[in-house]
């Protein structure tokens, strides 16, 4: 079990009464757990061990557990179990009444990062579109593409960044807390990707904006995930953004267009 103040805080918010699990689906790219609603998380597996070495406990009986039991797997050192844990956690989140907007994450970053030093943890398809708008763009990635920096460069990069976007998969591989410790106090920080827990509790850890996804058509999402969909191919999902109270959520008036923020 991995110790993390962020994970402990998130898990402490879960309802005490057990919530039944209606289904657990692990696709090659995305994992979906359905309880109160359907929650998504990226499917992550260990890459430094032989195929199949990290096995999920109790396979075949996950649907008999409560959503809270599965959500507790978010602290597992097994990345596949942690993926299931995050999807289960997201399936329990109450989204009703929150002031969501449908904003394009790339456009938000263009606006916030204009003329500034921008760091992105995780290689998103929009990164090259940002380069003409920012002073410096540093992309940190475990598996660097051309132009990216290795994830190990975070201590040299993040302290100099003014705008920082972090992939929510850092909750699964348990690197988020360490990354936040490297961010300057004045930095504007965003958590993004369909794995993002859309809970205001995360604002306590310095995030200005959370940009994630909500499953609206369970059957459509399940069909595409079971057939190996990458996120742009997942059907029945809506992209949502939640801003901290002291951050102006109406970014459309500042040149930020509404639309898909597909990572």
Protein backbone atom coordinates (compact mmCIF):
# COMPACT_ATOMS: atom_id res chain seq x y z
CA UNK A 1 0.00 0.00 0.00
CA UNK A 2 1.31 3.45 -0.97
CA UNK A 3 1.11 6.23 1.61
CA UNK A 4 -0.17 9.53 0.22
CA UNK A 5 -1.84 12.50 1.89
CA UNK A 6 -3.79 13.25 -1.28
CA UNK A 7 -5.12 9.72 -1.61
CA UNK A 8 -5.94 9.52 2.09
CA UNK A 9 -7.90 12.78 1.84
CA UNK A 10 -9.81 11.65 -1.24
CA UNK A 11 -10.68 8.24 0.16
CA UNK A 12 -11.81 9.72 3.48
CA UNK A 13 -14.57 11.57 1.59
CA UNK A 14 -16.25 8.40 0.35
CA UNK A 15 -19.69 7.48 1.75
CA UNK A 16 -19.62 5.05 4.68
CA UNK A 17 -22.55 2.93 3.50
CA UNK A 18 -21.30 0.31 0.99
CA UNK A 19 -22.25 1.06 -2.62
CA UNK A 20 -22.66 -2.03 -4.82
CA UNK A 21 -20.57 -2.41 -7.95
CA UNK A 22 -22.57 -3.02 -11.11
CA UNK A 23 -19.62 -3.83 -13.31
CA UNK A 24 -15.83 -3.71 -13.70
CA UNK A 25 -14.41 -3.44 -17.21
CA UNK A 26 -10.69 -3.31 -17.93
CA UNK A 27 -9.88 -2.36 -21.51
CA UNK A 28 -6.44 -2.08 -23.04
CA UNK A 29 -6.53 1.73 -22.76
CA UNK A 30 -9.36 2.55 -20.35
CA UNK A 31 -10.88 1.03 -17.24
CA UNK A 32 -14.50 1.64 -16.26
CA UNK A 33 -16.16 0.80 -12.95
CA UNK A 34 -19.91 1.29 -12.60
CA UNK A 35 -21.55 1.85 -9.20
CA UNK A 36 -23.53 5.05 -8.54
CA UNK A 37 -22.41 6.09 -12.00
CA UNK A 38 -19.60 4.95 -14.29
CA UNK A 39 -16.11 6.15 -13.52
CA UNK A 40 -13.14 6.11 -15.88
CA UNK A 41 -9.41 5.75 -15.37
CA UNK A 42 -6.52 5.06 -17.70
CA UNK A 43 -5.46 1.42 -17.73
CA UNK A 44 -1.89 1.30 -16.47
CA UNK A 45 0.31 -1.76 -16.18
CA UNK A 46 3.89 -2.33 -15.11
CA UNK A 47 6.30 -2.10 -18.03
CA UNK A 48 9.44 -3.28 -16.24
CA UNK A 49 8.28 -6.82 -15.46
CA UNK A 50 7.29 -9.82 -17.62
CA UNK A 51 3.80 -9.70 -19.11
CA UNK A 52 1.20 -10.83 -16.58
CA UNK A 53 3.48 -10.60 -13.55
CA UNK A 54 1.33 -8.04 -11.73
CA UNK A 55 -1.95 -9.85 -11.28
CA UNK A 56 -5.19 -8.37 -10.01
CA UNK A 57 -6.36 -10.01 -6.79
CA UNK A 58 -9.80 -11.64 -6.64
CA UNK A 59 -10.31 -11.62 -10.40
CA UNK A 60 -13.81 -12.89 -11.18
CA UNK A 61 -15.20 -11.53 -7.92
CA UNK A 62 -14.59 -7.80 -8.26
CA UNK A 63 -18.27 -7.18 -9.02
CA UNK A 64 -19.16 -8.65 -5.61
CA UNK A 65 -17.16 -6.00 -3.75
CA UNK A 66 -18.36 -2.56 -2.75
CA UNK A 67 -17.22 0.43 -4.75
CA UNK A 68 -15.44 1.69 -1.63
CA UNK A 69 -13.43 -1.54 -1.38
CA UNK A 70 -12.29 -1.16 -4.97
CA UNK A 71 -11.60 2.56 -4.56
CA UNK A 72 -9.18 1.72 -1.74
CA UNK A 73 -7.07 -0.06 -4.38
CA UNK A 74 -5.99 3.40 -5.50
CA UNK A 75 -3.20 3.00 -2.93
CA UNK A 76 -2.05 -0.32 -4.42
CA UNK A 77 1.51 -0.59 -5.70
CA UNK A 78 0.09 -2.70 -8.55
CA UNK A 79 -0.70 -0.12 -11.27
CA UNK A 80 -3.54 -2.19 -12.72
CA UNK A 81 -5.23 -2.41 -9.33
CA UNK A 82 -4.67 1.32 -8.84
CA UNK A 83 -6.36 1.95 -12.21
CA UNK A 84 -9.39 -0.01 -11.04
CA UNK A 85 -9.25 1.91 -7.77
CA UNK A 86 -9.35 5.31 -9.47
CA UNK A 87 -12.19 4.27 -11.76
CA UNK A 88 -14.13 3.02 -8.73
CA UNK A 89 -13.45 6.27 -6.88
CA UNK A 90 -14.70 8.30 -9.84
CA UNK A 91 -17.82 6.13 -9.99
CA UNK A 92 -18.76 7.29 -6.49
CA UNK A 93 -18.34 11.04 -6.98
CA UNK A 94 -21.50 13.16 -6.72
CA UNK A 95 -21.41 15.51 -9.69
CA UNK A 96 -24.87 17.01 -9.34
CA UNK A 97 -24.92 20.73 -8.60
CA UNK A 98 -21.27 21.42 -9.37
CA UNK A 99 -20.58 24.41 -11.68
CA UNK A 100 -19.11 22.53 -14.63
CA UNK A 101 -18.21 24.06 -17.97
CA UNK A 102 -17.35 22.43 -21.26
CA UNK A 103 -14.03 24.10 -22.02
CA UNK A 104 -11.19 23.13 -24.32
CA UNK A 105 -8.16 22.40 -22.12
CA UNK A 106 -5.73 23.33 -24.90
CA UNK A 107 -7.39 26.72 -25.30
CA UNK A 108 -7.33 27.30 -21.54
CA UNK A 109 -3.60 26.60 -21.53
CA UNK A 110 -3.04 28.90 -24.51
CA UNK A 111 -4.77 31.70 -22.65
CA UNK A 112 -3.16 31.10 -19.26
CA UNK A 113 0.25 30.28 -20.70
CA UNK A 114 0.54 33.14 -23.20
CA UNK A 115 4.07 34.52 -22.89
CA UNK A 116 4.78 32.35 -19.84
CA UNK A 117 6.81 29.27 -18.97
CA UNK A 118 4.53 26.24 -19.28
CA UNK A 119 5.20 22.69 -18.13
CA UNK A 120 3.00 19.73 -19.01
CA UNK A 121 3.38 16.40 -17.26
CA UNK A 122 2.26 13.84 -19.81
CA UNK A 123 2.35 14.10 -23.60
CA UNK A 124 -1.04 15.30 -24.84
CA UNK A 125 -1.86 15.63 -28.55
CA UNK A 126 -2.24 19.40 -28.26
CA UNK A 127 1.26 20.15 -26.97
CA UNK A 128 2.71 21.27 -30.30
CA UNK A 129 -0.20 23.66 -30.83
CA UNK A 130 0.80 25.48 -27.63
CA UNK A 131 4.38 26.26 -28.60
CA UNK A 132 3.70 29.45 -30.63
CA UNK A 133 1.79 30.99 -27.69
CA UNK A 134 4.11 30.39 -24.73
CA UNK A 135 7.60 31.55 -23.78
CA UNK A 136 8.87 28.06 -23.02
CA UNK A 137 7.07 24.72 -23.17
CA UNK A 138 8.47 21.73 -21.32
CA UNK A 139 6.74 18.37 -21.73
CA UNK A 140 7.71 15.72 -19.19
CA UNK A 141 6.95 12.14 -20.17
CA UNK A 142 7.80 8.65 -18.90
CA UNK A 143 8.13 7.56 -22.53
CA UNK A 144 9.38 10.74 -24.22
CA UNK A 145 8.40 11.55 -27.78
CA UNK A 146 10.68 13.79 -29.89
CA UNK A 147 10.88 17.17 -28.19
CA UNK A 148 9.80 15.80 -24.78
CA UNK A 149 11.90 15.63 -21.65
CA UNK A 150 12.17 12.51 -19.50
CA UNK A 151 10.01 12.49 -16.38
CA UNK A 152 13.21 12.50 -14.33
CA UNK A 153 13.79 16.13 -15.42
CA UNK A 154 10.88 17.33 -13.28
CA UNK A 155 13.11 18.74 -10.47
CA UNK A 156 14.94 20.93 -13.02
CA UNK A 157 11.82 22.07 -14.88
CA UNK A 158 8.83 22.47 -12.59
CA UNK A 159 10.35 25.07 -10.21
CA UNK A 160 10.68 27.45 -13.21
CA UNK A 161 7.16 26.94 -14.58
CA UNK A 162 4.40 29.52 -14.19
CA UNK A 163 1.61 27.40 -15.68
CA UNK A 164 1.59 23.64 -15.05
CA UNK A 165 -0.74 20.95 -16.38
CA UNK A 166 -0.47 17.48 -14.85
CA UNK A 167 -2.02 14.30 -16.18
CA UNK A 168 -4.34 12.57 -13.71
CA UNK A 169 -2.55 9.28 -14.34
CA UNK A 170 -0.05 10.55 -11.76
CA UNK A 171 -2.68 9.52 -9.20
CA UNK A 172 -2.35 5.95 -10.47
CA UNK A 173 1.45 5.78 -10.52
CA UNK A 174 1.61 7.74 -7.25
CA UNK A 175 3.85 10.52 -8.50
CA UNK A 176 1.39 13.41 -8.08
CA UNK A 177 2.36 14.38 -4.55
CA UNK A 178 6.05 14.58 -5.42
CA UNK A 179 5.33 16.64 -8.54
CA UNK A 180 3.21 19.14 -6.61
CA UNK A 181 6.04 19.57 -4.10
CA UNK A 182 8.24 20.78 -6.99
CA UNK A 183 5.75 23.40 -8.21
CA UNK A 184 6.36 27.03 -7.19
CA UNK A 185 3.75 28.43 -4.77
CA UNK A 186 2.59 31.03 -7.30
CA UNK A 187 2.15 28.56 -10.18
CA UNK A 188 -1.26 28.10 -11.84
CA UNK A 189 -1.83 24.32 -11.84
CA UNK A 190 -4.31 22.20 -13.77
CA UNK A 191 -5.12 18.48 -13.41
CA UNK A 192 -6.40 17.03 -16.67
CA UNK A 193 -7.38 13.90 -18.51
CA UNK A 194 -10.40 11.57 -18.32
CA UNK A 195 -8.98 9.96 -15.15
CA UNK A 196 -9.34 13.25 -13.26
CA UNK A 197 -11.52 13.03 -10.14
CA UNK A 198 -14.01 15.88 -10.49
CA UNK A 199 -14.09 16.73 -6.79
CA UNK A 200 -13.56 20.19 -5.25
CA UNK A 201 -11.47 18.49 -2.56
CA UNK A 202 -8.51 18.56 -4.97
CA UNK A 203 -8.49 22.36 -4.90
CA UNK A 204 -7.03 22.08 -1.39
CA UNK A 205 -3.83 20.80 -2.99
CA UNK A 206 -3.24 23.83 -5.19
CA UNK A 207 -5.14 23.06 -8.38
CA UNK A 208 -6.92 25.93 -10.12
CA UNK A 209 -8.82 23.81 -12.64
CA UNK A 210 -9.82 20.15 -12.96
CA UNK A 211 -10.53 18.97 -16.48
CA UNK A 212 -12.02 15.48 -16.75
CA UNK A 213 -14.80 13.38 -18.20
CA UNK A 214 -18.27 12.11 -17.34
CA UNK A 215 -19.84 8.95 -18.79
CA UNK A 216 -23.34 9.79 -19.99
CA UNK A 217 -24.10 6.70 -22.08
CA UNK A 218 -22.91 3.63 -20.20
CA UNK A 219 -23.64 1.15 -22.99
CA UNK A 220 -21.86 3.20 -25.66
CA UNK A 221 -18.82 3.79 -23.46
CA UNK A 222 -18.60 0.12 -22.51
CA UNK A 223 -18.86 -1.09 -26.10
CA UNK A 224 -16.01 1.14 -27.28
CA UNK A 225 -13.77 0.49 -24.26
CA UNK A 226 -14.21 -3.29 -24.58
CA UNK A 227 -13.17 -3.04 -28.22
CA UNK A 228 -9.88 -1.30 -27.40
CA UNK A 229 -10.80 2.37 -27.87
CA UNK A 230 -8.26 5.09 -27.27
CA UNK A 231 -9.98 8.04 -25.60
CA UNK A 232 -10.91 9.97 -28.77
CA UNK A 233 -12.77 6.81 -29.82
CA UNK A 234 -14.70 6.34 -26.56
CA UNK A 235 -18.40 6.99 -27.11
CA UNK A 236 -20.96 8.30 -24.64
CA UNK A 237 -18.58 10.56 -22.73
CA UNK A 238 -18.74 14.30 -22.07
CA UNK A 239 -15.70 16.40 -21.18
CA UNK A 240 -16.14 18.71 -18.18
CA UNK A 241 -14.07 21.38 -16.43
CA UNK A 242 -14.40 22.49 -12.81
CA UNK A 243 -12.71 25.70 -11.62
CA UNK A 244 -11.76 26.74 -8.11
CA UNK A 245 -14.00 29.47 -6.64
CA UNK A 246 -11.31 32.15 -6.82
CA UNK A 247 -10.56 31.31 -10.48
CA UNK A 248 -12.73 32.90 -13.13
CA UNK A 249 -14.59 29.89 -14.57
CA UNK A 250 -16.05 31.84 -17.49
CA UNK A 251 -12.99 31.71 -19.72
CA UNK A 252 -14.97 32.00 -22.93
CA UNK A 253 -14.88 35.77 -22.64
CA UNK A 254 -11.10 35.66 -22.64
CA UNK A 255 -10.65 33.96 -25.97
CA UNK A 256 -11.14 30.40 -24.71
CA UNK A 257 -13.56 28.49 -26.85
CA UNK A 258 -15.97 25.86 -25.64
CA UNK A 259 -15.38 22.40 -27.01
CA UNK A 260 -13.62 19.10 -26.50
CA UNK A 261 -10.52 18.99 -24.33
CA UNK A 262 -9.54 15.55 -25.49
CA UNK A 263 -6.14 14.53 -24.17
